[in-house]
């Protein structure tokens, strides 16, 4: 995850909460120092709703589908 740095740029958003909701379960994760997070996810649980939040930032919600491949997301 990237957050705005207040100077027109972005920076890694360490310690953000990532909540991933499916129709049957939810996962709560935290980003690492470099703003990344990871989760092995069964794509049969698609679609997903993802909420990103951190103190001092406005929460962001998005909807989508997880894809196969084991990617780390930023």
N, C-alpha and C. Protein backbone atom coordinates (compact mmCIF):
# COMPACT_ATOMS: atom_id res chain seq x y z
N UNK A 1 0.83 -1.16 0.00
CA UNK A 1 0.00 0.00 0.00
C UNK A 1 0.88 1.23 0.00
N UNK A 2 0.41 2.23 -0.70
CA UNK A 2 1.11 3.51 -0.72
C UNK A 2 0.20 4.59 -0.17
N UNK A 3 0.76 5.51 0.58
CA UNK A 3 0.02 6.65 1.09
C UNK A 3 0.64 7.94 0.55
N UNK A 4 -0.13 9.00 0.54
CA UNK A 4 0.40 10.29 0.10
C UNK A 4 1.37 10.83 1.14
N UNK A 5 2.45 11.43 0.66
CA UNK A 5 3.48 11.93 1.59
C UNK A 5 3.31 13.41 1.95
N UNK A 6 2.27 14.07 1.43
CA UNK A 6 2.03 15.47 1.72
C UNK A 6 2.85 16.43 0.87
N UNK A 7 3.66 15.86 -0.02
CA UNK A 7 4.51 16.67 -0.91
C UNK A 7 4.21 16.37 -2.38
N UNK A 8 3.06 15.74 -2.63
CA UNK A 8 2.70 15.39 -4.01
C UNK A 8 3.18 14.03 -4.44
N UNK A 9 3.84 13.31 -3.56
CA UNK A 9 4.35 11.98 -3.88
C UNK A 9 3.68 10.92 -3.01
N UNK A 10 4.25 9.74 -3.04
CA UNK A 10 3.74 8.63 -2.24
C UNK A 10 4.87 8.00 -1.45
N UNK A 11 4.48 7.22 -0.44
CA UNK A 11 5.44 6.49 0.38
C UNK A 11 4.76 5.19 0.84
N UNK A 12 5.56 4.16 1.18
CA UNK A 12 4.95 2.92 1.69
C UNK A 12 4.13 3.20 2.94
N UNK A 13 2.98 2.56 3.02
CA UNK A 13 2.08 2.75 4.16
C UNK A 13 2.24 1.57 5.12
N UNK A 14 3.23 1.67 5.99
CA UNK A 14 3.51 0.61 6.96
C UNK A 14 2.46 0.62 8.07
N UNK A 15 2.08 -0.57 8.54
CA UNK A 15 1.16 -0.69 9.66
C UNK A 15 -0.29 -0.42 9.34
N UNK A 16 -0.65 -0.38 8.05
CA UNK A 16 -2.05 -0.20 7.68
C UNK A 16 -2.80 -1.51 7.90
N UNK A 17 -4.07 -1.41 8.21
CA UNK A 17 -4.92 -2.58 8.36
C UNK A 17 -5.59 -2.88 7.03
N UNK A 18 -5.48 -4.13 6.59
CA UNK A 18 -6.11 -4.59 5.36
C UNK A 18 -7.17 -5.59 5.77
N UNK A 19 -8.43 -5.32 5.48
CA UNK A 19 -9.50 -6.26 5.76
C UNK A 19 -10.04 -6.76 4.44
N UNK A 20 -10.05 -8.08 4.26
CA UNK A 20 -10.54 -8.71 3.05
C UNK A 20 -11.78 -9.52 3.42
N UNK A 21 -12.91 -9.17 2.83
CA UNK A 21 -14.17 -9.83 3.12
C UNK A 21 -14.67 -10.61 1.91
N UNK A 22 -15.14 -11.84 2.17
CA UNK A 22 -15.81 -12.64 1.15
C UNK A 22 -17.22 -12.91 1.64
N UNK A 23 -17.98 -13.67 0.88
CA UNK A 23 -19.34 -13.96 1.31
C UNK A 23 -19.37 -14.91 2.50
N UNK A 24 -18.25 -15.60 2.78
CA UNK A 24 -18.26 -16.60 3.86
C UNK A 24 -17.25 -16.35 4.97
N UNK A 25 -16.26 -15.49 4.75
CA UNK A 25 -15.23 -15.29 5.76
C UNK A 25 -14.57 -13.92 5.59
N UNK A 26 -13.73 -13.56 6.54
CA UNK A 26 -12.95 -12.32 6.41
C UNK A 26 -11.56 -12.54 6.97
N UNK A 27 -10.62 -11.75 6.47
CA UNK A 27 -9.23 -11.81 6.89
C UNK A 27 -8.80 -10.40 7.28
N UNK A 28 -8.01 -10.28 8.33
CA UNK A 28 -7.46 -8.99 8.72
C UNK A 28 -5.95 -9.11 8.74
N UNK A 29 -5.27 -8.24 7.99
CA UNK A 29 -3.83 -8.27 7.84
C UNK A 29 -3.25 -6.89 8.17
N UNK A 30 -1.93 -6.82 8.34
CA UNK A 30 -1.24 -5.54 8.52
C UNK A 30 -0.13 -5.46 7.48
N UNK A 31 0.10 -4.27 6.96
CA UNK A 31 1.19 -4.09 6.02
C UNK A 31 2.52 -4.06 6.77
N UNK A 32 3.57 -4.48 6.07
CA UNK A 32 4.91 -4.48 6.63
C UNK A 32 5.56 -3.10 6.46
N UNK A 33 6.81 -2.97 6.86
CA UNK A 33 7.52 -1.69 6.76
C UNK A 33 7.54 -1.13 5.34
N UNK A 34 7.58 -2.03 4.35
CA UNK A 34 7.63 -1.57 2.97
C UNK A 34 6.24 -1.46 2.33
N UNK A 35 5.19 -1.56 3.14
CA UNK A 35 3.83 -1.37 2.65
C UNK A 35 3.20 -2.58 1.98
N UNK A 36 3.85 -3.74 2.06
CA UNK A 36 3.32 -4.93 1.42
C UNK A 36 2.54 -5.79 2.41
N UNK A 37 1.74 -6.69 1.87
CA UNK A 37 1.04 -7.68 2.67
C UNK A 37 0.87 -8.92 1.80
N UNK A 38 0.60 -10.05 2.41
CA UNK A 38 0.43 -11.28 1.64
C UNK A 38 -0.59 -12.19 2.28
N UNK A 39 -1.25 -12.96 1.44
CA UNK A 39 -2.25 -13.92 1.90
C UNK A 39 -2.44 -14.98 0.83
N UNK A 40 -2.31 -16.25 1.21
CA UNK A 40 -2.69 -17.32 0.29
C UNK A 40 -4.20 -17.38 0.32
N UNK A 41 -4.82 -17.22 -0.83
CA UNK A 41 -6.26 -17.03 -0.90
C UNK A 41 -6.87 -17.98 -1.92
N UNK A 42 -7.95 -18.63 -1.55
CA UNK A 42 -8.67 -19.52 -2.45
C UNK A 42 -9.55 -18.68 -3.37
N UNK A 43 -9.21 -18.63 -4.65
CA UNK A 43 -9.93 -17.77 -5.59
C UNK A 43 -11.40 -18.17 -5.75
N UNK A 44 -11.79 -19.35 -5.24
CA UNK A 44 -13.21 -19.72 -5.29
C UNK A 44 -14.04 -18.86 -4.33
N UNK A 45 -13.39 -18.10 -3.45
CA UNK A 45 -14.10 -17.22 -2.52
C UNK A 45 -14.42 -15.85 -3.13
N UNK A 46 -14.05 -15.65 -4.40
CA UNK A 46 -14.36 -14.39 -5.09
C UNK A 46 -15.86 -14.17 -5.18
N UNK A 47 -16.30 -12.94 -5.29
CA UNK A 47 -15.56 -11.69 -5.27
C UNK A 47 -15.21 -11.28 -3.84
N UNK A 48 -14.32 -10.29 -3.73
CA UNK A 48 -13.88 -9.81 -2.43
C UNK A 48 -14.13 -8.31 -2.29
N UNK A 49 -14.23 -7.89 -1.04
CA UNK A 49 -14.29 -6.47 -0.69
C UNK A 49 -13.05 -6.21 0.16
N UNK A 50 -12.27 -5.20 -0.19
CA UNK A 50 -11.03 -4.89 0.52
C UNK A 50 -11.15 -3.50 1.12
N UNK A 51 -10.88 -3.40 2.41
CA UNK A 51 -10.90 -2.13 3.12
C UNK A 51 -9.50 -1.88 3.68
N UNK A 52 -8.93 -0.72 3.37
CA UNK A 52 -7.61 -0.34 3.85
C UNK A 52 -7.79 0.85 4.78
N UNK A 53 -7.22 0.76 5.99
CA UNK A 53 -7.34 1.88 6.94
C UNK A 53 -6.06 2.03 7.74
N UNK A 54 -5.84 3.27 8.19
CA UNK A 54 -4.72 3.59 9.07
C UNK A 54 -5.03 4.93 9.71
N UNK A 55 -4.67 5.06 10.99
CA UNK A 55 -4.88 6.35 11.67
C UNK A 55 -4.24 7.47 10.87
N UNK A 56 -4.97 8.56 10.73
CA UNK A 56 -4.47 9.72 10.01
C UNK A 56 -4.76 9.71 8.52
N UNK A 57 -5.35 8.63 8.03
CA UNK A 57 -5.69 8.50 6.61
C UNK A 57 -7.17 8.18 6.48
N UNK A 58 -7.76 8.57 5.36
CA UNK A 58 -9.15 8.23 5.08
C UNK A 58 -9.20 6.78 4.61
N UNK A 59 -10.08 5.94 5.19
CA UNK A 59 -10.19 4.55 4.75
C UNK A 59 -10.60 4.47 3.28
N UNK A 60 -10.13 3.42 2.61
CA UNK A 60 -10.45 3.18 1.20
C UNK A 60 -11.07 1.80 1.09
N UNK A 61 -12.18 1.70 0.34
CA UNK A 61 -12.85 0.43 0.11
C UNK A 61 -12.89 0.16 -1.39
N UNK A 62 -12.61 -1.07 -1.78
CA UNK A 62 -12.69 -1.45 -3.18
C UNK A 62 -13.24 -2.87 -3.28
N UNK A 63 -13.76 -3.21 -4.43
CA UNK A 63 -14.28 -4.55 -4.71
C UNK A 63 -13.50 -5.14 -5.88
N UNK A 64 -13.33 -6.46 -5.87
CA UNK A 64 -12.62 -7.09 -6.98
C UNK A 64 -12.57 -8.58 -6.82
N UNK A 65 -11.63 -9.18 -7.55
CA UNK A 65 -11.44 -10.62 -7.50
C UNK A 65 -9.96 -10.92 -7.33
N UNK A 66 -9.68 -11.89 -6.46
CA UNK A 66 -8.31 -12.36 -6.30
C UNK A 66 -7.95 -13.22 -7.51
N UNK A 67 -6.70 -13.13 -7.95
CA UNK A 67 -6.26 -13.91 -9.10
C UNK A 67 -5.24 -14.94 -8.66
N UNK A 68 -5.14 -16.02 -9.42
CA UNK A 68 -4.15 -17.05 -9.14
C UNK A 68 -2.75 -16.51 -9.40
N UNK A 69 -1.78 -17.03 -8.68
CA UNK A 69 -0.40 -16.66 -8.95
C UNK A 69 0.41 -16.32 -7.73
N UNK A 70 -0.19 -16.16 -6.57
CA UNK A 70 0.56 -15.90 -5.36
C UNK A 70 1.33 -14.59 -5.35
N UNK A 71 0.79 -13.55 -5.94
CA UNK A 71 1.45 -12.26 -5.99
C UNK A 71 1.40 -11.55 -4.65
N UNK A 72 2.41 -10.75 -4.37
CA UNK A 72 2.36 -9.83 -3.25
C UNK A 72 1.85 -8.51 -3.79
N UNK A 73 0.96 -7.87 -3.06
CA UNK A 73 0.34 -6.64 -3.57
C UNK A 73 0.81 -5.45 -2.77
N UNK A 74 0.86 -4.33 -3.42
CA UNK A 74 1.26 -3.08 -2.80
C UNK A 74 0.17 -2.08 -3.01
